[in-house]
Amino acid sequence: MADLTLICQNCGNEFLWSEGEQEFYTQKGLSQPKFCPICRARKKAEERQWASYRKKS
C-alpha cells in the first residue's frame, strides 16, 4: 500500500493520505476521507461551537 493523494470535496485542495492512515481506516472499517485535514478540523470546531450554543439555549 502506498501513500495516496486525494482531493478534498470541500475546498478542492490535494492532501496526502498516508499508508499508516489507510491501514488505520481499514482496521476500523472506515472509507477513505472525503475532506482534507483542515476542512475536517474546521467542521469539528463548528460542530463543537454549535453544541456549545445549543447547551446554553
PDB file of N, CA and C in Angstrom:
ATOM      1  N   MET A   1       0.857  -1.174   0.000  1.00  0.00           N
ATOM      2  CA  MET A   1       0.000   0.000   0.000  1.00  0.00           C
ATOM      3  C   MET A   1       0.902   1.235   0.000  1.00  0.00           C
ATOM      4  N   ALA A   2       0.633   2.169  -0.872  1.00  0.00           N
ATOM      5  CA  ALA A   2       1.431   3.383  -0.973  1.00  0.00           C
ATOM      6  C   ALA A   2       0.595   4.584  -0.546  1.00  0.00           C
ATOM      7  N   ASP A   3       1.276   5.690  -0.223  1.00  0.00           N
ATOM      8  CA  ASP A   3       0.577   6.929   0.092  1.00  0.00           C
ATOM      9  C   ASP A   3      -0.266   7.340  -1.111  1.00  0.00           C
ATOM     10  N   LEU A   4      -1.429   7.935  -0.849  1.00  0.00           N
ATOM     11  CA  LEU A   4      -2.305   8.404  -1.914  1.00  0.00           C
ATOM     12  C   LEU A   4      -2.512   9.903  -1.790  1.00  0.00           C
ATOM     13  N   THR A   5      -2.673  10.554  -2.923  1.00  0.00           N
ATOM     14  CA  THR A   5      -3.036  11.962  -2.947  1.00  0.00           C
ATOM     15  C   THR A   5      -4.512  12.034  -3.285  1.00  0.00           C
ATOM     16  N   LEU A   6      -5.281  12.639  -2.387  1.00  0.00           N
ATOM     17  CA  LEU A   6      -6.729  12.765  -2.563  1.00  0.00           C
ATOM     18  C   LEU A   6      -7.090  14.235  -2.759  1.00  0.00           C
ATOM     19  N   ILE A   7      -8.278  14.476  -3.289  1.00  0.00           N
ATOM     20  CA  ILE A   7      -8.791  15.829  -3.482  1.00  0.00           C
ATOM     21  C   ILE A   7      -9.942  16.058  -2.505  1.00  0.00           C
ATOM     22  N   CYS A   8      -9.858  17.144  -1.754  1.00  0.00           N
ATOM     23  CA  CYS A   8     -10.904  17.495  -0.783  1.00  0.00           C
ATOM     24  C   CYS A   8     -12.176  17.898  -1.523  1.00  0.00           C
ATOM     25  N   GLN A   9     -13.298  17.315  -1.121  1.00  0.00           N
ATOM     26  CA  GLN A   9     -14.580  17.646  -1.751  1.00  0.00           C
ATOM     27  C   GLN A   9     -15.103  19.007  -1.317  1.00  0.00           C
ATOM     28  N   ASN A  10     -14.527  19.577  -0.278  1.00  0.00           N
ATOM     29  CA  ASN A  10     -14.978  20.877   0.202  1.00  0.00           C
ATOM     30  C   ASN A  10     -14.187  22.014  -0.450  1.00  0.00           C
ATOM     31  N   CYS A  11     -12.865  21.997  -0.309  1.00  0.00           N
ATOM     32  CA  CYS A  11     -12.043  23.111  -0.787  1.00  0.00           C
ATOM     33  C   CYS A  11     -11.319  22.828  -2.104  1.00  0.00           C
ATOM     34  N   GLY A  12     -11.270  21.559  -2.505  1.00  0.00           N
ATOM     35  CA  GLY A  12     -10.624  21.204  -3.770  1.00  0.00           C
ATOM     36  C   GLY A  12      -9.122  21.049  -3.692  1.00  0.00           C
ATOM     37  N   ASN A  13      -8.542  21.226  -2.512  1.00  0.00           N
ATOM     38  CA  ASN A  13      -7.094  21.077  -2.359  1.00  0.00           C
ATOM     39  C   ASN A  13      -6.706  19.606  -2.283  1.00  0.00           C
ATOM     40  N   GLU A  14      -5.496  19.324  -2.742  1.00  0.00           N
ATOM     41  CA  GLU A  14      -4.959  17.976  -2.614  1.00  0.00           C
ATOM     42  C   GLU A  14      -4.458  17.773  -1.194  1.00  0.00           C
ATOM     43  N   PHE A  15      -4.568  16.527  -0.701  1.00  0.00           N
ATOM     44  CA  PHE A  15      -3.983  16.189   0.590  1.00  0.00           C
ATOM     45  C   PHE A  15      -3.486  14.764   0.544  1.00  0.00           C
ATOM     46  N   LEU A  16      -2.486  14.482   1.353  1.00  0.00           N
ATOM     47  CA  LEU A  16      -1.862  13.166   1.379  1.00  0.00           C
ATOM     48  C   LEU A  16      -2.578  12.270   2.365  1.00  0.00           C
ATOM     49  N   TRP A  17      -2.903  11.063   1.927  1.00  0.00           N
ATOM     50  CA  TRP A  17      -3.481  10.039   2.790  1.00  0.00           C
ATOM     51  C   TRP A  17      -2.413   8.971   2.918  1.00  0.00           C
ATOM     52  N   SER A  18      -1.728   8.975   4.046  1.00  0.00           N
ATOM     53  CA  SER A  18      -0.548   8.128   4.227  1.00  0.00           C
ATOM     54  C   SER A  18      -0.910   6.650   4.320  1.00  0.00           C
ATOM     55  N   GLU A  19       0.075   5.835   4.105  1.00  0.00           N
ATOM     56  CA  GLU A  19      -0.083   4.391   4.208  1.00  0.00           C
ATOM     57  C   GLU A  19      -0.582   4.001   5.601  1.00  0.00           C
ATOM     58  N   GLY A  20      -0.022   4.636   6.638  1.00  0.00           N
ATOM     59  CA  GLY A  20      -0.443   4.353   8.012  1.00  0.00           C
ATOM     60  C   GLY A  20      -1.891   4.721   8.261  1.00  0.00           C
ATOM     61  N   GLU A  21      -2.319   5.863   7.713  1.00  0.00           N
ATOM     62  CA  GLU A  21      -3.718   6.273   7.854  1.00  0.00           C
ATOM     63  C   GLU A  21      -4.640   5.299   7.131  1.00  0.00           C
ATOM     64  N   GLN A  22      -4.212   4.828   5.966  1.00  0.00           N
ATOM     65  CA  GLN A  22      -5.014   3.865   5.210  1.00  0.00           C
ATOM     66  C   GLN A  22      -5.202   2.576   6.006  1.00  0.00           C
ATOM     67  N   GLU A  23      -4.136   2.114   6.635  1.00  0.00           N
ATOM     68  CA  GLU A  23      -4.223   0.903   7.450  1.00  0.00           C
ATOM     69  C   GLU A  23      -5.179   1.104   8.621  1.00  0.00           C
ATOM     70  N   PHE A  24      -5.085   2.256   9.280  1.00  0.00           N
ATOM     71  CA  PHE A  24      -5.966   2.566  10.400  1.00  0.00           C
ATOM     72  C   PHE A  24      -7.425   2.561   9.946  1.00  0.00           C
ATOM     73  N   TYR A  25      -7.716   3.251   8.840  1.00  0.00           N
ATOM     74  CA  TYR A  25      -9.082   3.309   8.327  1.00  0.00           C
ATOM     75  C   TYR A  25      -9.588   1.914   8.000  1.00  0.00           C
ATOM     76  N   THR A  26      -8.744   1.081   7.392  1.00  0.00           N
ATOM     77  CA  THR A  26      -9.131  -0.283   7.038  1.00  0.00           C
ATOM     78  C   THR A  26      -9.452  -1.088   8.290  1.00  0.00           C
ATOM     79  N   GLN A  27      -8.619  -0.978   9.318  1.00  0.00           N
ATOM     80  CA  GLN A  27      -8.841  -1.710  10.567  1.00  0.00           C
ATOM     81  C   GLN A  27     -10.154  -1.301  11.226  1.00  0.00           C
ATOM     82  N   LYS A  28     -10.510  -0.039  11.108  1.00  0.00           N
ATOM     83  CA  LYS A  28     -11.730   0.470  11.732  1.00  0.00           C
ATOM     84  C   LYS A  28     -12.954   0.316  10.835  1.00  0.00           C
ATOM     85  N   GLY A  29     -12.756  -0.174   9.612  1.00  0.00           N
ATOM     86  CA  GLY A  29     -13.872  -0.351   8.689  1.00  0.00           C
ATOM     87  C   GLY A  29     -14.384   0.953   8.101  1.00  0.00           C
ATOM     88  N   LEU A  30     -13.520   1.959   8.023  1.00  0.00           N
ATOM     89  CA  LEU A  30     -13.906   3.270   7.515  1.00  0.00           C
ATOM     90  C   LEU A  30     -13.541   3.403   6.042  1.00  0.00           C
ATOM     91  N   SER A  31     -14.268   4.231   5.315  1.00  0.00           N
ATOM     92  CA  SER A  31     -13.929   4.514   3.925  1.00  0.00           C
ATOM     93  C   SER A  31     -12.918   5.666   3.891  1.00  0.00           C
ATOM     94  N   GLN A  32     -12.316   5.873   2.727  1.00  0.00           N
ATOM     95  CA  GLN A  32     -11.298   6.922   2.637  1.00  0.00           C
ATOM     96  C   GLN A  32     -11.919   8.292   2.888  1.00  0.00           C
ATOM     97  N   PRO A  33     -11.142   9.208   3.456  1.00  0.00           N
ATOM     98  CA  PRO A  33     -11.677  10.530   3.783  1.00  0.00           C
ATOM     99  C   PRO A  33     -12.044  11.313   2.522  1.00  0.00           C
ATOM    100  N   LYS A  34     -13.072  12.145   2.641  1.00  0.00           N
ATOM    101  CA  LYS A  34     -13.512  12.985   1.527  1.00  0.00           C
ATOM    102  C   LYS A  34     -13.042  14.421   1.695  1.00  0.00           C
ATOM    103  N   PHE A  35     -12.593  14.752   2.923  1.00  0.00           N
ATOM    104  CA  PHE A  35     -12.199  16.121   3.219  1.00  0.00           C
ATOM    105  C   PHE A  35     -10.769  16.157   3.750  1.00  0.00           C
ATOM    106  N   CYS A  36     -10.061  17.225   3.445  1.00  0.00           N
ATOM    107  CA  CYS A  36      -8.680  17.381   3.907  1.00  0.00           C
ATOM    108  C   CYS A  36      -8.661  17.607   5.424  1.00  0.00           C
ATOM    109  N   PRO A  37      -7.509  17.435   6.044  1.00  0.00           N
ATOM    110  CA  PRO A  37      -7.427  17.632   7.500  1.00  0.00           C
ATOM    111  C   PRO A  37      -7.880  19.021   7.951  1.00  0.00           C
ATOM    112  N   ILE A  38      -7.616  20.050   7.164  1.00  0.00           N
ATOM    113  CA  ILE A  38      -8.024  21.409   7.543  1.00  0.00           C
ATOM    114  C   ILE A  38      -9.547  21.523   7.546  1.00  0.00           C
ATOM    115  N   CYS A  39     -10.192  21.027   6.501  1.00  0.00           N
ATOM    116  CA  CYS A  39     -11.657  21.091   6.436  1.00  0.00           C
ATOM    117  C   CYS A  39     -12.302  20.210   7.501  1.00  0.00           C
ATOM    118  N   ARG A  40     -11.694  19.047   7.790  1.00  0.00           N
ATOM    119  CA  ARG A  40     -12.233  18.182   8.852  1.00  0.00           C
ATOM    120  C   ARG A  40     -12.144  18.891  10.193  1.00  0.00           C
ATOM    121  N   ALA A  41     -11.014  19.534  10.469  1.00  0.00           N
ATOM    122  CA  ALA A  41     -10.843  20.245  11.739  1.00  0.00           C
ATOM    123  C   ALA A  41     -11.818  21.410  11.839  1.00  0.00           C
ATOM    124  N   ARG A  42     -12.006  22.126  10.740  1.00  0.00           N
ATOM    125  CA  ARG A  42     -12.940  23.257  10.732  1.00  0.00           C
ATOM    126  C   ARG A  42     -14.360  22.763  11.019  1.00  0.00           C
ATOM    127  N   LYS A  43     -14.747  21.654  10.399  1.00  0.00           N
ATOM    128  CA  LYS A  43     -16.089  21.104  10.616  1.00  0.00           C
ATOM    129  C   LYS A  43     -16.282  20.677  12.064  1.00  0.00           C
ATOM    130  N   LYS A  44     -15.272  20.014  12.655  1.00  0.00           N
ATOM    131  CA  LYS A  44     -15.367  19.590  14.048  1.00  0.00           C
ATOM    132  C   LYS A  44     -15.502  20.797  14.971  1.00  0.00           C
ATOM    133  N   ALA A  45     -14.738  21.857  14.688  1.00  0.00           N
ATOM    134  CA  ALA A  45     -14.806  23.067  15.516  1.00  0.00           C
ATOM    135  C   ALA A  45     -16.198  23.692  15.423  1.00  0.00           C
ATOM    136  N   GLU A  46     -16.766  23.728  14.221  1.00  0.00           N
ATOM    137  CA  GLU A  46     -18.107  24.285  14.053  1.00  0.00           C
ATOM    138  C   GLU A  46     -19.140  23.441  14.795  1.00  0.00           C
ATOM    139  N   GLU A  47     -18.975  22.122  14.751  1.00  0.00           N
ATOM    140  CA  GLU A  47     -19.902  21.242  15.462  1.00  0.00           C
ATOM    141  C   GLU A  47     -19.804  21.445  16.968  1.00  0.00           C
ATOM    142  N   ARG A  48     -18.583  21.601  17.485  1.00  0.00           N
ATOM    143  CA  ARG A  48     -18.408  21.858  18.923  1.00  0.00           C
ATOM    144  C   ARG A  48     -19.027  23.193  19.309  1.00  0.00           C
ATOM    145  N   GLN A  49     -18.838  24.192  18.453  1.00  0.00           N
ATOM    146  CA  GLN A  49     -19.400  25.506  18.737  1.00  0.00           C
ATOM    147  C   GLN A  49     -20.928  25.438  18.729  1.00  0.00           C
ATOM    148  N   TRP A  50     -21.503  24.729  17.777  1.00  0.00           N
ATOM    149  CA  TRP A  50     -22.955  24.589  17.699  1.00  0.00           C
ATOM    150  C   TRP A  50     -23.488  23.842  18.926  1.00  0.00           C
ATOM    151  N   ALA A  51     -22.787  22.778  19.331  1.00  0.00           N
ATOM    152  CA  ALA A  51     -23.212  22.011  20.504  1.00  0.00           C
ATOM    153  C   ALA A  51     -23.156  22.888  21.755  1.00  0.00           C
ATOM    154  N   SER A  52     -22.135  23.719  21.855  1.00  0.00           N
ATOM    155  CA  SER A  52     -21.997  24.616  22.991  1.00  0.00           C
ATOM    156  C   SER A  52     -23.140  25.645  22.994  1.00  0.00           C
ATOM    157  N   TYR A  53     -23.473  26.141  21.837  1.00  0.00           N
ATOM    158  CA  TYR A  53     -24.560  27.110  21.709  1.00  0.00           C
ATOM    159  C   TYR A  53     -25.898  26.483  22.118  1.00  0.00           C
ATOM    160  N   ARG A  54     -26.106  25.230  21.673  1.00  0.00           N
ATOM    161  CA  ARG A  54     -27.361  24.557  21.993  1.00  0.00           C
ATOM    162  C   ARG A  54     -27.499  24.300  23.480  1.00  0.00           C
ATOM    163  N   LYS A  55     -26.391  24.037  24.173  1.00  0.00           N
ATOM    164  CA  LYS A  55     -26.448  23.797  25.616  1.00  0.00           C
ATOM    165  C   LYS A  55     -26.845  25.069  26.369  1.00  0.00           C
ATOM    166  N   LYS A  56     -26.423  26.226  25.858  1.00  0.00           N
ATOM    167  CA  LYS A  56     -26.737  27.490  26.517  1.00  0.00           C
ATOM    168  C   LYS A  56     -28.197  27.883  26.327  1.00  0.00           C
ATOM    169  N   SER A  57     -28.801  27.434  25.242  1.00  0.00           N
ATOM    170  CA  SER A  57     -30.188  27.816  24.929  1.00  0.00           C
ATOM    171  C   SER A  57     -31.194  27.068  25.761  1.00  0.00           C
TER     172      SER A  57
END
